[in-house]
Amino acid sequence: AQFLVTPPKLVISKSLVRTVDAELTVEGEMTFAALKPESHTTWEM
């Protein structure tokens, strides 16, 4: 029950996929209070 109320925060440190032409990065965080996802992520290309 305590885990559902205050679950840990998932953190995405700067991650990327790079090709010969482009690079896509993402970073942000996500929580799952009461099993409902809430996230803030920044994508750059």
PDB file of all heavy atoms in Angstrom:
ATOM      1  N   ALA A   1       0.831  -1.208   0.000  1.00  0.00           N
ATOM      2  CA  ALA A   1       0.000   0.000   0.000  1.00  0.00           C
ATOM      3  C   ALA A   1       0.860   1.250   0.000  1.00  0.00           C
ATOM      4  O   ALA A   1       0.566   2.232  -0.702  1.00  0.00           O
ATOM      5  CB  ALA A   1      -0.932  -0.011   1.206  1.00  0.00           C
ATOM      6  N   GLN A   2       1.940   1.234   0.789  1.00  0.00           N
ATOM      7  CA  GLN A   2       2.828   2.382   0.846  1.00  0.00           C
ATOM      8  C   GLN A   2       3.510   2.610  -0.501  1.00  0.00           C
ATOM      9  O   GLN A   2       3.711   3.754  -0.928  1.00  0.00           O
ATOM     10  CB  GLN A   2       3.880   2.180   1.942  1.00  0.00           C
ATOM     11  CG  GLN A   2       4.803   3.364   2.146  1.00  0.00           C
ATOM     12  CD  GLN A   2       4.071   4.606   2.614  1.00  0.00           C
ATOM     13  OE1 GLN A   2       3.030   4.503   3.271  1.00  0.00           O
ATOM     14  NE2 GLN A   2       4.577   5.768   2.270  1.00  0.00           N
ATOM     15  N   PHE A   3       3.842   1.514  -1.191  1.00  0.00           N
ATOM     16  CA  PHE A   3       4.476   1.635  -2.502  1.00  0.00           C
ATOM     17  C   PHE A   3       3.529   2.283  -3.514  1.00  0.00           C
ATOM     18  O   PHE A   3       3.949   3.090  -4.344  1.00  0.00           O
ATOM     19  CB  PHE A   3       4.896   0.254  -2.992  1.00  0.00           C
ATOM     20  CG  PHE A   3       5.541   0.264  -4.359  1.00  0.00           C
ATOM     21  CD1 PHE A   3       6.883   0.565  -4.513  1.00  0.00           C
ATOM     22  CD2 PHE A   3       4.795  -0.009  -5.501  1.00  0.00           C
ATOM     23  CE1 PHE A   3       7.477   0.585  -5.761  1.00  0.00           C
ATOM     24  CE2 PHE A   3       5.373   0.007  -6.749  1.00  0.00           C
ATOM     25  CZ  PHE A   3       6.725   0.308  -6.878  1.00  0.00           C
ATOM     26  N   LEU A   4       2.242   1.957  -3.435  1.00  0.00           N
ATOM     27  CA  LEU A   4       1.288   2.549  -4.361  1.00  0.00           C
ATOM     28  C   LEU A   4       1.124   4.043  -4.118  1.00  0.00           C
ATOM     29  O   LEU A   4       0.936   4.826  -5.058  1.00  0.00           O
ATOM     30  CB  LEU A   4      -0.077   1.858  -4.223  1.00  0.00           C
ATOM     31  CG  LEU A   4      -0.168   0.425  -4.744  1.00  0.00           C
ATOM     32  CD1 LEU A   4      -1.545  -0.152  -4.459  1.00  0.00           C
ATOM     33  CD2 LEU A   4       0.120   0.377  -6.250  1.00  0.00           C
ATOM     34  N   VAL A   5       1.218   4.449  -2.853  1.00  0.00           N
ATOM     35  CA  VAL A   5       1.036   5.862  -2.523  1.00  0.00           C
ATOM     36  C   VAL A   5       2.264   6.678  -2.919  1.00  0.00           C
ATOM     37  O   VAL A   5       2.152   7.750  -3.509  1.00  0.00           O
ATOM     38  CB  VAL A   5       0.740   6.023  -1.019  1.00  0.00           C
ATOM     39  CG1 VAL A   5       0.688   7.504  -0.643  1.00  0.00           C
ATOM     40  CG2 VAL A   5      -0.570   5.340  -0.662  1.00  0.00           C
ATOM     41  N   THR A   6       3.450   6.179  -2.579  1.00  0.00           N
ATOM     42  CA  THR A   6       4.694   6.909  -2.871  1.00  0.00           C
ATOM     43  C   THR A   6       5.676   5.999  -3.604  1.00  0.00           C
ATOM     44  O   THR A   6       6.667   5.538  -3.010  1.00  0.00           O
ATOM     45  CB  THR A   6       5.329   7.433  -1.573  1.00  0.00           C
ATOM     46  OG1 THR A   6       5.564   6.311  -0.694  1.00  0.00           O
ATOM     47  CG2 THR A   6       4.446   8.450  -0.901  1.00  0.00           C
ATOM     48  N   PRO A   7       5.423   5.709  -4.862  1.00  0.00           N
ATOM     49  CA  PRO A   7       6.341   4.846  -5.611  1.00  0.00           C
ATOM     50  C   PRO A   7       7.630   5.593  -5.956  1.00  0.00           C
ATOM     51  O   PRO A   7       7.667   6.830  -5.933  1.00  0.00           O
ATOM     52  CB  PRO A   7       5.552   4.517  -6.878  1.00  0.00           C
ATOM     53  CG  PRO A   7       4.676   5.712  -7.079  1.00  0.00           C
ATOM     54  CD  PRO A   7       4.310   6.170  -5.685  1.00  0.00           C
ATOM     55  N   PRO A   8       8.704   4.864  -6.266  1.00  0.00           N
ATOM     56  CA  PRO A   8       9.944   5.543  -6.680  1.00  0.00           C
ATOM     57  C   PRO A   8       9.759   6.232  -8.026  1.00  0.00           C
ATOM     58  O   PRO A   8       8.820   5.942  -8.774  1.00  0.00           O
ATOM     59  CB  PRO A   8      10.951   4.390  -6.775  1.00  0.00           C
ATOM     60  CG  PRO A   8      10.120   3.171  -6.973  1.00  0.00           C
ATOM     61  CD  PRO A   8       8.848   3.403  -6.230  1.00  0.00           C
ATOM     62  N   LYS A   9      10.648   7.161  -8.298  1.00  0.00           N
ATOM     63  CA  LYS A   9      10.587   7.921  -9.547  1.00  0.00           C
ATOM     64  C   LYS A   9      11.515   7.289 -10.580  1.00  0.00           C
ATOM     65  O   LYS A   9      12.674   6.990 -10.296  1.00  0.00           O
ATOM     66  CB  LYS A   9      11.001   9.367  -9.294  1.00  0.00           C
ATOM     67  CG  LYS A   9      10.949  10.266 -10.529  1.00  0.00           C
ATOM     68  CD  LYS A   9      11.453  11.667 -10.195  1.00  0.00           C
ATOM     69  CE  LYS A   9      10.544  12.339  -9.196  1.00  0.00           C
ATOM     70  NZ  LYS A   9      10.993  13.745  -8.941  1.00  0.00           N
ATOM     71  N   LEU A  10      10.988   7.049 -11.778  1.00  0.00           N
ATOM     72  CA  LEU A  10      11.796   6.545 -12.887  1.00  0.00           C
ATOM     73  C   LEU A  10      12.472   7.718 -13.578  1.00  0.00           C
ATOM     74  O   LEU A  10      11.807   8.687 -13.966  1.00  0.00           O
ATOM     75  CB  LEU A  10      10.929   5.775 -13.886  1.00  0.00           C
ATOM     76  CG  LEU A  10      11.625   5.302 -15.170  1.00  0.00           C
ATOM     77  CD1 LEU A  10      12.689   4.264 -14.848  1.00  0.00           C
ATOM     78  CD2 LEU A  10      10.613   4.734 -16.158  1.00  0.00           C
ATOM     79  N   VAL A  11      13.793   7.647 -13.728  1.00  0.00           N
ATOM     80  CA  VAL A  11      14.563   8.736 -14.329  1.00  0.00           C
ATOM     81  C   VAL A  11      15.214   8.240 -15.615  1.00  0.00           C
ATOM     82  O   VAL A  11      15.846   7.176 -15.637  1.00  0.00           O
ATOM     83  CB  VAL A  11      15.648   9.252 -13.365  1.00  0.00           C
ATOM     84  CG1 VAL A  11      16.499  10.320 -14.036  1.00  0.00           C
ATOM     85  CG2 VAL A  11      15.015   9.790 -12.104  1.00  0.00           C
ATOM     86  N   ILE A  12      15.046   8.992 -16.671  1.00  0.00           N
ATOM     87  CA  ILE A  12      15.734   8.709 -17.938  1.00  0.00           C
ATOM     88  C   ILE A  12      16.829   9.744 -18.096  1.00  0.00           C
ATOM     89  O   ILE A  12      16.561  10.916 -18.375  1.00  0.00           O
ATOM     90  CB  ILE A  12      14.766   8.769 -19.139  1.00  0.00           C
ATOM     91  CG1 ILE A  12      13.570   7.847 -18.924  1.00  0.00           C
ATOM     92  CG2 ILE A  12      15.495   8.396 -20.426  1.00  0.00           C
ATOM     93  CD1 ILE A  12      12.493   7.982 -19.983  1.00  0.00           C
ATOM     94  N   SER A  13      18.064   9.333 -17.855  1.00  0.00           N
ATOM     95  CA  SER A  13      19.176  10.238 -18.131  1.00  0.00           C
ATOM     96  C   SER A  13      19.352  10.315 -19.642  1.00  0.00           C
ATOM     97  O   SER A  13      18.763   9.531 -20.393  1.00  0.00           O
ATOM     98  CB  SER A  13      20.450   9.722 -17.455  1.00  0.00           C
ATOM     99  OG  SER A  13      20.277   9.653 -16.051  1.00  0.00           O
ATOM    100  N   LYS A  14      20.178  11.261 -20.105  1.00  0.00           N
ATOM    101  CA  LYS A  14      20.254  11.509 -21.539  1.00  0.00           C
ATOM    102  C   LYS A  14      20.585  10.233 -22.302  1.00  0.00           C
ATOM    103  O   LYS A  14      21.652   9.650 -22.135  1.00  0.00           O
ATOM    104  CB  LYS A  14      21.308  12.577 -21.846  1.00  0.00           C
ATOM    105  CG  LYS A  14      21.235  13.066 -23.300  1.00  0.00           C
ATOM    106  CD  LYS A  14      22.091  14.285 -23.521  1.00  0.00           C
ATOM    107  CE  LYS A  14      21.932  14.827 -24.925  1.00  0.00           C
ATOM    108  NZ  LYS A  14      22.730  16.045 -25.149  1.00  0.00           N
ATOM    109  N   SER A  15      19.642   9.796 -23.126  1.00  0.00           N
ATOM    110  CA  SER A  15      19.782   8.599 -23.948  1.00  0.00           C
ATOM    111  C   SER A  15      19.647   8.997 -25.405  1.00  0.00           C
ATOM    112  O   SER A  15      19.032  10.026 -25.723  1.00  0.00           O
ATOM    113  CB  SER A  15      18.717   7.559 -23.576  1.00  0.00           C
ATOM    114  OG  SER A  15      18.809   7.217 -22.198  1.00  0.00           O
ATOM    115  N   LEU A  16      20.191   8.202 -26.301  1.00  0.00           N
ATOM    116  CA  LEU A  16      20.188   8.632 -27.700  1.00  0.00           C
ATOM    117  C   LEU A  16      20.207   7.453 -28.657  1.00  0.00           C
ATOM    118  O   LEU A  16      20.607   6.333 -28.315  1.00  0.00           O
ATOM    119  CB  LEU A  16      21.381   9.554 -27.983  1.00  0.00           C
ATOM    120  CG  LEU A  16      22.795   8.968 -27.874  1.00  0.00           C
ATOM    121  CD1 LEU A  16      23.227   8.285 -29.167  1.00  0.00           C
ATOM    122  CD2 LEU A  16      23.786  10.066 -27.540  1.00  0.00           C
ATOM    123  N   VAL A  17      19.741   7.755 -29.858  1.00  0.00           N
ATOM    124  CA  VAL A  17      19.908   6.885 -31.028  1.00  0.00           C
ATOM    125  C   VAL A  17      20.482   7.762 -32.122  1.00  0.00           C
ATOM    126  O   VAL A  17      19.928   8.815 -32.442  1.00  0.00           O
ATOM    127  CB  VAL A  17      18.565   6.264 -31.472  1.00  0.00           C
ATOM    128  CG1 VAL A  17      18.776   5.460 -32.749  1.00  0.00           C
ATOM    129  CG2 VAL A  17      17.987   5.380 -30.379  1.00  0.00           C
ATOM    130  N   ARG A  18      21.602   7.330 -32.703  1.00  0.00           N
ATOM    131  CA  ARG A  18      22.286   8.133 -33.723  1.00  0.00           C
ATOM    132  C   ARG A  18      22.397   7.320 -35.012  1.00  0.00           C
ATOM    133  O   ARG A  18      22.708   6.128 -34.994  1.00  0.00           O
ATOM    134  CB  ARG A  18      23.669   8.534 -33.223  1.00  0.00           C
ATOM    135  CG  ARG A  18      24.431   9.473 -34.160  1.00  0.00           C
ATOM    136  CD  ARG A  18      25.808   9.797 -33.591  1.00  0.00           C
ATOM    137  NE  ARG A  18      25.717  10.584 -32.363  1.00  0.00           N
ATOM    138  CZ  ARG A  18      26.278  10.232 -31.213  1.00  0.00           C
ATOM    139  NH1 ARG A  18      26.969   9.101 -31.110  1.00  0.00           N
ATOM    140  NH2 ARG A  18      26.156  11.006 -30.142  1.00  0.00           N
ATOM    141  N   THR A  19      22.125   7.985 -36.144  1.00  0.00           N
ATOM    142  CA  THR A  19      22.324   7.388 -37.472  1.00  0.00           C
ATOM    143  C   THR A  19      23.347   8.236 -38.229  1.00  0.00           C
ATOM    144  O   THR A  19      23.904   9.192 -37.680  1.00  0.00           O
ATOM    145  CB  THR A  19      21.001   7.332 -38.258  1.00  0.00           C
ATOM    146  OG1 THR A  19      20.579   8.678 -38.562  1.00  0.00           O
ATOM    147  CG2 THR A  19      19.909   6.639 -37.455  1.00  0.00           C
ATOM    148  N   VAL A  20      23.581   7.892 -39.478  1.00  0.00           N
ATOM    149  CA  VAL A  20      24.568   8.659 -40.251  1.00  0.00           C
ATOM    150  C   VAL A  20      24.103  10.092 -40.477  1.00  0.00           C
ATOM    151  O   VAL A  20      24.923  10.994 -40.685  1.00  0.00           O
ATOM    152  CB  VAL A  20      24.841   7.977 -41.613  1.00  0.00           C
ATOM    153  CG1 VAL A  20      25.533   6.653 -41.417  1.00  0.00           C
ATOM    154  CG2 VAL A  20      23.553   7.801 -42.409  1.00  0.00           C
ATOM    155  N   ASP A  21      22.776  10.339 -40.420  1.00  0.00           N
ATOM    156  CA  ASP A  21      22.248  11.675 -40.703  1.00  0.00           C
ATOM    157  C   ASP A  21      21.719  12.409 -39.481  1.00  0.00           C
ATOM    158  O   ASP A  21      21.721  13.641 -39.455  1.00  0.00           O
ATOM    159  CB  ASP A  21      21.099  11.582 -41.722  1.00  0.00           C
ATOM    160  CG  ASP A  21      21.559  11.064 -43.065  1.00  0.00           C
ATOM    161  OD1 ASP A  21      22.688  11.404 -43.465  1.00  0.00           O
ATOM    162  OD2 ASP A  21      20.799  10.316 -43.701  1.00  0.00           O
ATOM    163  N   ALA A  22      21.239  11.682 -38.494  1.00  0.00           N
ATOM    164  CA  ALA A  22      20.466  12.330 -37.434  1.00  0.00           C
ATOM    165  C   ALA A  22      20.821  11.765 -36.059  1.00  0.00           C
ATOM    166  O   ALA A  22      21.469  10.721 -35.937  1.00  0.00           O
ATOM    167  CB  ALA A  22      18.971  12.151 -37.700  1.00  0.00           C
ATOM    168  N   GLU A  23      20.358  12.509 -35.047  1.00  0.00           N
ATOM    169  CA  GLU A  23      20.520  12.056 -33.663  1.00  0.00           C
ATOM    170  C   GLU A  23      19.279  12.448 -32.889  1.00  0.00           C
ATOM    171  O   GLU A  23      18.854  13.597 -32.902  1.00  0.00           O
ATOM    172  CB  GLU A  23      21.754  12.689 -33.026  1.00  0.00           C
ATOM    173  CG  GLU A  23      21.937  12.306 -31.560  1.00  0.00           C
ATOM    174  CD  GLU A  23      23.155  12.972 -30.927  1.00  0.00           C
ATOM    175  OE1 GLU A  23      24.281  12.547 -31.250  1.00  0.00           O
ATOM    176  OE2 GLU A  23      22.956  13.931 -30.142  1.00  0.00           O
ATOM    177  N   LEU A  24      18.683  11.466 -32.195  1.00  0.00           N
ATOM    178  CA  LEU A  24      17.508  11.687 -31.377  1.00  0.00           C
ATOM    179  C   LEU A  24      17.875  11.415 -29.922  1.00  0.00           C
ATOM    180  O   LEU A  24      18.381  10.339 -29.594  1.00  0.00           O
ATOM    181  CB  LEU A  24      16.362  10.770 -31.804  1.00  0.00           C
ATOM    182  CG  LEU A  24      15.080  10.837 -30.964  1.00  0.00           C
ATOM    183  CD1 LEU A  24      14.423  12.210 -31.101  1.00  0.00           C
ATOM    184  CD2 LEU A  24      14.108   9.732 -31.371  1.00  0.00           C
ATOM    185  N   THR A  25      17.634  12.389 -29.040  1.00  0.00           N
ATOM    186  CA  THR A  25      17.939  12.222 -27.616  1.00  0.00           C
ATOM    187  C   THR A  25      16.666  12.390 -26.800  1.00  0.00           C
ATOM    188  O   THR A  25      15.708  13.033 -27.234  1.00  0.00           O
ATOM    189  CB  THR A  25      18.983  13.238 -27.126  1.00  0.00           C
ATOM    190  OG1 THR A  25      18.416  14.558 -27.197  1.00  0.00           O
ATOM    191  CG2 THR A  25      20.243  13.174 -27.964  1.00  0.00           C
ATOM    192  N   VAL A  26      16.671  11.809 -25.598  1.00  0.00           N
ATOM    193  CA  VAL A  26      15.542  11.940 -24.693  1.00  0.00           C
ATOM    194  C   VAL A  26      16.063  11.916 -23.260  1.00  0.00           C
ATOM    195  O   VAL A  26      17.027  11.214 -22.948  1.00  0.00           O
ATOM    196  CB  VAL A  26      14.504  10.812 -24.907  1.00  0.00           C
ATOM    197  CG1 VAL A  26      15.130   9.436 -24.682  1.00  0.00           C
ATOM    198  CG2 VAL A  26      13.300  10.997 -23.974  1.00  0.00           C
ATOM    199  N   GLU A  27      15.451  12.709 -22.409  1.00  0.00           N
ATOM    200  CA  GLU A  27      15.722  12.676 -20.980  1.00  0.00           C
ATOM    201  C   GLU A  27      14.485  13.179 -20.255  1.00  0.00           C
ATOM    202  O   GLU A  27      13.690  13.949 -20.809  1.00  0.00           O
ATOM    203  CB  GLU A  27      16.943  13.516 -20.611  1.00  0.00           C
ATOM    204  CG  GLU A  27      16.899  14.958 -21.043  1.00  0.00           C
ATOM    205  CD  GLU A  27      18.231  15.660 -20.768  1.00  0.00           C
ATOM    206  OE1 GLU A  27      18.851  15.357 -19.739  1.00  0.00           O
ATOM    207  OE2 GLU A  27      18.637  16.492 -21.595  1.00  0.00           O
ATOM    208  N   GLY A  28      14.312  12.715 -19.013  1.00  0.00           N
ATOM    209  CA  GLY A  28      13.140  13.135 -18.255  1.00  0.00           C
ATOM    210  C   GLY A  28      12.894  12.218 -17.084  1.00  0.00           C
ATOM    211  O   GLY A  28      13.782  11.492 -16.625  1.00  0.00           O
ATOM    212  N   GLU A  29      11.652  12.237 -16.582  1.00  0.00           N
ATOM    213  CA  GLU A  29      11.318  11.438 -15.415  1.00  0.00           C
ATOM    214  C   GLU A  29       9.846  11.055 -15.469  1.00  0.00           C
ATOM    215  O   GLU A  29       9.037  11.688 -16.156  1.00  0.00           O
ATOM    216  CB  GLU A  29      11.618  12.197 -14.127  1.00  0.00           C
ATOM    217  CG  GLU A  29      10.918  13.526 -14.014  1.00  0.00           C
ATOM    218  CD  GLU A  29      11.367  14.325 -12.801  1.00  0.00           C
ATOM    219  OE1 GLU A  29      12.571  14.257 -12.452  1.00  0.00           O
ATOM    220  OE2 GLU A  29      10.518  15.012 -12.205  1.00  0.00           O
ATOM    221  N   MET A  30       9.512   9.996 -14.705  1.00  0.00           N
ATOM    222  CA  MET A  30       8.145   9.486 -14.706  1.00  0.00           C
ATOM    223  C   MET A  30       7.822   8.940 -13.313  1.00  0.00           C
ATOM    224  O   MET A  30       8.678   8.334 -12.664  1.00  0.00           O
ATOM    225  CB  MET A  30       7.991   8.382 -15.767  1.00  0.00           C
ATOM    226  CG  MET A  30       6.613   7.754 -15.840  1.00  0.00           C
ATOM    227  SD  MET A  30       6.500   6.448 -17.103  1.00  0.00           S
ATOM    228  CE  MET A  30       6.724   7.429 -18.595  1.00  0.00           C
ATOM    229  N   THR A  31       6.589   9.174 -12.869  1.00  0.00           N
ATOM    230  CA  THR A  31       6.122   8.614 -11.609  1.00  0.00           C
ATOM    231  C   THR A  31       4.845   7.819 -11.860  1.00  0.00           C
ATOM    232  O   THR A  31       4.176   8.006 -12.884  1.00  0.00           O
ATOM    233  CB  THR A  31       5.846   9.713 -10.577  1.00  0.00           C
ATOM    234  OG1 THR A  31       4.873  10.626 -11.117  1.00  0.00           O
ATOM    235  CG2 THR A  31       7.114  10.472 -10.235  1.00  0.00           C
ATOM    236  N   PHE A  32       4.506   6.936 -10.887  1.00  0.00           N
ATOM    237  CA  PHE A  32       3.332   6.073 -11.047  1.00  0.00           C
ATOM    238  C   PHE A  32       2.498   6.077  -9.761  1.00  0.00           C
ATOM    239  O   PHE A  32       2.159   5.038  -9.225  1.00  0.00           O
ATOM    240  CB  PHE A  32       3.760   4.640 -11.373  1.00  0.00           C
ATOM    241  CG  PHE A  32       4.464   4.498 -12.687  1.00  0.00           C
ATOM    242  CD1 PHE A  32       5.841   4.643 -12.758  1.00  0.00           C
ATOM    243  CD2 PHE A  32       3.754   4.225 -13.841  1.00  0.00           C
ATOM    244  CE1 PHE A  32       6.504   4.502 -13.968  1.00  0.00           C
ATOM    245  CE2 PHE A  32       4.411   4.087 -15.053  1.00  0.00           C
ATOM    246  CZ  PHE A  32       5.790   4.240 -15.123  1.00  0.00           C
ATOM    247  N   ALA A  33       2.185   7.246  -9.245  1.00  0.00           N
ATOM    248  CA  ALA A  33       1.369   7.325  -8.038  1.00  0.00           C
ATOM    249  C   ALA A  33       0.016   6.692  -8.304  1.00  0.00           C
ATOM    250  O   ALA A  33      -0.664   7.034  -9.279  1.00  0.00           O
ATOM    251  CB  ALA A  33       1.215   8.773  -7.600  1.00  0.00           C
ATOM    252  N   ALA A  34      -0.389   5.762  -7.426  1.00  0.00           N
ATOM    253  CA  ALA A  34      -1.656   5.039  -7.573  1.00  0.00           C
ATOM    254  C   ALA A  34      -1.757   4.381  -8.946  1.00  0.00           C
ATOM    255  O   ALA A  34      -2.843   4.254  -9.522  1.00  0.00           O
ATOM    256  CB  ALA A  34      -2.839   5.963  -7.338  1.00  0.00           C
ATOM    257  N   LEU A  35      -0.612   3.948  -9.467  1.00  0.00           N
ATOM    258  CA  LEU A  35      -0.515   3.253 -10.760  1.00  0.00           C
ATOM    259  C   LEU A  35      -0.946   4.124 -11.931  1.00  0.00           C
ATOM    260  O   LEU A  35      -1.240   3.610 -13.019  1.00  0.00           O
ATOM    261  CB  LEU A  35      -1.346   1.962 -10.743  1.00  0.00           C
ATOM    262  CG  LEU A  35      -0.893   0.902  -9.728  1.00  0.00           C
ATOM    263  CD1 LEU A  35      -1.779  -0.331  -9.829  1.00  0.00           C
ATOM    264  CD2 LEU A  35       0.562   0.524  -9.941  1.00  0.00           C
ATOM    265  N   LYS A  36      -0.968   5.445 -11.739  1.00  0.00           N
ATOM    266  CA  LYS A  36      -1.309   6.352 -12.830  1.00  0.00           C
ATOM    267  C   LYS A  36      -0.038   7.067 -13.280  1.00  0.00           C
ATOM    268  O   LYS A  36       0.553   7.833 -12.510  1.00  0.00           O
ATOM    269  CB  LYS A  36      -2.364   7.369 -12.375  1.00  0.00           C
ATOM    270  CG  LYS A  36      -3.706   6.739 -12.054  1.00  0.00           C
ATOM    271  CD  LYS A  36      -4.738   7.784 -11.655  1.00  0.00           C
ATOM    272  CE  LYS A  36      -6.082   7.152 -11.381  1.00  0.00           C
ATOM    273  NZ  LYS A  36      -7.107   8.173 -11.005  1.00  0.00           N
ATOM    274  N   PRO A  37       0.407   6.830 -14.514  1.00  0.00           N
ATOM    275  CA  PRO A  37       1.672   7.418 -14.966  1.00  0.00           C
ATOM    276  C   PRO A  37       1.590   8.923 -15.171  1.00  0.00           C
ATOM    277  O   PRO A  37       0.589   9.444 -15.677  1.00  0.00           O
ATOM    278  CB  PRO A  37       1.931   6.702 -16.299  1.00  0.00           C
ATOM    279  CG  PRO A  37       0.592   6.281 -16.781  1.00  0.00           C
ATOM    280  CD  PRO A  37      -0.215   5.975 -15.549  1.00  0.00           C
ATOM    281  N   GLU A  38       2.625   9.604 -14.744  1.00  0.00           N
ATOM    282  CA  GLU A  38       2.774  11.037 -14.991  1.00  0.00           C
ATOM    283  C   GLU A  38       4.227  11.276 -15.358  1.00  0.00           C
ATOM    284  O   GLU A  38       5.132  10.829 -14.643  1.00  0.00           O
ATOM    285  CB  GLU A  38       2.392  11.845 -13.755  1.00  0.00           C
ATOM    286  CG  GLU A  38       2.393  13.357 -14.002  1.00  0.00           C
ATOM    287  CD  GLU A  38       1.708  14.119 -12.889  1.00  0.00           C
ATOM    288  OE1 GLU A  38       1.041  13.477 -12.055  1.00  0.00           O
ATOM    289  OE2 GLU A  38       1.843  15.354 -12.852  1.00  0.00           O
ATOM    290  N   SER A  39       4.462  11.961 -16.488  1.00  0.00           N
ATOM    291  CA  SER A  39       5.837  12.075 -16.972  1.00  0.00           C
ATOM    292  C   SER A  39       6.108  13.459 -17.550  1.00  0.00           C
ATOM    293  O   SER A  39       5.202  14.182 -17.960  1.00  0.00           O
ATOM    294  CB  SER A  39       6.107  11.021 -18.053  1.00  0.00           C
ATOM    295  OG  SER A  39       5.291  11.243 -19.196  1.00  0.00           O
ATOM    296  N   HIS A  40       7.405  13.783 -17.550  1.00  0.00           N
ATOM    297  CA  HIS A  40       7.902  15.004 -18.183  1.00  0.00           C
ATOM    298  C   HIS A  40       9.188  14.616 -18.908  1.00  0.00           C
ATOM    299  O   HIS A  40      10.186  14.281 -18.272  1.00  0.00           O
ATOM    300  CB  HIS A  40       8.176  16.086 -17.143  1.00  0.00           C
ATOM    301  CG  HIS A  40       8.792  17.326 -17.718  1.00  0.00           C
ATOM    302  ND1 HIS A  40       8.055  18.324 -18.306  1.00  0.00           N
ATOM    303  CD2 HIS A  40      10.107  17.707 -17.831  1.00  0.00           C
ATOM    304  CE1 HIS A  40       8.866  19.282 -18.734  1.00  0.00           C
ATOM    305  NE2 HIS A  40      10.113  18.923 -18.450  1.00  0.00           N
ATOM    306  N   THR A  41       9.155  14.628 -20.233  1.00  0.00           N
ATOM    307  CA  THR A  41      10.316  14.221 -21.024  1.00  0.00           C
ATOM    308  C   THR A  41      10.637  15.280 -22.077  1.00  0.00           C
ATOM    309  O   THR A  41       9.734  15.962 -22.584  1.00  0.00           O
ATOM    310  CB  THR A  41      10.077  12.875 -21.741  1.00  0.00           C
ATOM    311  OG1 THR A  41       8.875  12.951 -22.522  1.00  0.00           O
ATOM    312  CG2 THR A  41       9.951  11.743 -20.737  1.00  0.00           C
ATOM    313  N   THR A  42      11.913  15.400 -22.375  1.00  0.00           N
ATOM    314  CA  THR A  42      12.379  16.340 -23.398  1.00  0.00           C
ATOM    315  C   THR A  42      13.060  15.554 -24.502  1.00  0.00           C
ATOM    316  O   THR A  42      14.028  14.823 -24.257  1.00  0.00           O
ATOM    317  CB  THR A  42      13.363  17.361 -22.806  1.00  0.00           C
ATOM    318  OG1 THR A  42      12.702  18.090 -21.766  1.00  0.00           O
ATOM    319  CG2 THR A  42      13.839  18.330 -23.873  1.00  0.00           C
ATOM    320  N   TRP A  43      12.550  15.703 -25.711  1.00  0.00           N
ATOM    321  CA  TRP A  43      13.090  15.027 -26.888  1.00  0.00           C
ATOM    322  C   TRP A  43      13.726  16.074 -27.799  1.00  0.00           C
ATOM    323  O   TRP A  43      13.155  17.140 -28.024  1.00  0.00           O
ATOM    324  CB  TRP A  43      11.982  14.307 -27.657  1.00  0.00           C
ATOM    325  CG  TRP A  43      11.236  13.295 -26.849  1.00  0.00           C
ATOM    326  CD1 TRP A  43      10.326  13.547 -25.857  1.00  0.00           C
ATOM    327  CD2 TRP A  43      11.331  11.872 -26.952  1.00  0.00           C
ATOM    328  NE1 TRP A  43       9.848  12.384 -25.334  1.00  0.00           N
ATOM    329  CE2 TRP A  43      10.448  11.325 -25.986  1.00  0.00           C
ATOM    330  CE3 TRP A  43      12.062  11.013 -27.766  1.00  0.00           C
ATOM    331  CZ2 TRP A  43      10.288   9.959 -25.820  1.00  0.00           C
ATOM    332  CZ3 TRP A  43      11.899   9.647 -27.604  1.00  0.00           C
ATOM    333  CH2 TRP A  43      11.031   9.125 -26.635  1.00  0.00           C
ATOM    334  N   GLU A  44      14.900  15.777 -28.315  1.00  0.00           N
ATOM    335  CA  GLU A  44      15.575  16.677 -29.248  1.00  0.00           C
ATOM    336  C   GLU A  44      16.133  15.871 -30.421  1.00  0.00           C
ATOM    337  O   GLU A  44      16.611  14.756 -30.235  1.00  0.00           O
ATOM    338  CB  GLU A  44      16.717  17.429 -28.555  1.00  0.00           C
ATOM    339  CG  GLU A  44      16.241  18.386 -27.477  1.00  0.00           C
ATOM    340  CD  GLU A  44      17.378  19.133 -26.794  1.00  0.00           C
ATOM    341  OE1 GLU A  44      18.556  18.896 -27.175  1.00  0.00           O
ATOM    342  OE2 GLU A  44      17.094  19.938 -25.885  1.00  0.00           O
ATOM    343  N   MET A  45      16.077  16.483 -31.600  1.00  0.00           N
ATOM    344  CA  MET A  45      16.532  15.787 -32.792  1.00  0.00           C
ATOM    345  C   MET A  45      17.303  16.737 -33.696  1.00  0.00           C
ATOM    346  O   MET A  45      16.869  17.850 -33.976  1.00  0.00           O
ATOM    347  CB  MET A  45      15.355  15.187 -33.564  1.00  0.00           C
ATOM    348  CG  MET A  45      15.761  14.352 -34.753  1.00  0.00           C
ATOM    349  SD  MET A  45      14.363  13.476 -35.507  1.00  0.00           S
ATOM    350  CE  MET A  45      15.212  12.554 -36.804  1.00  0.00           C
TER     351      MET A  45
END
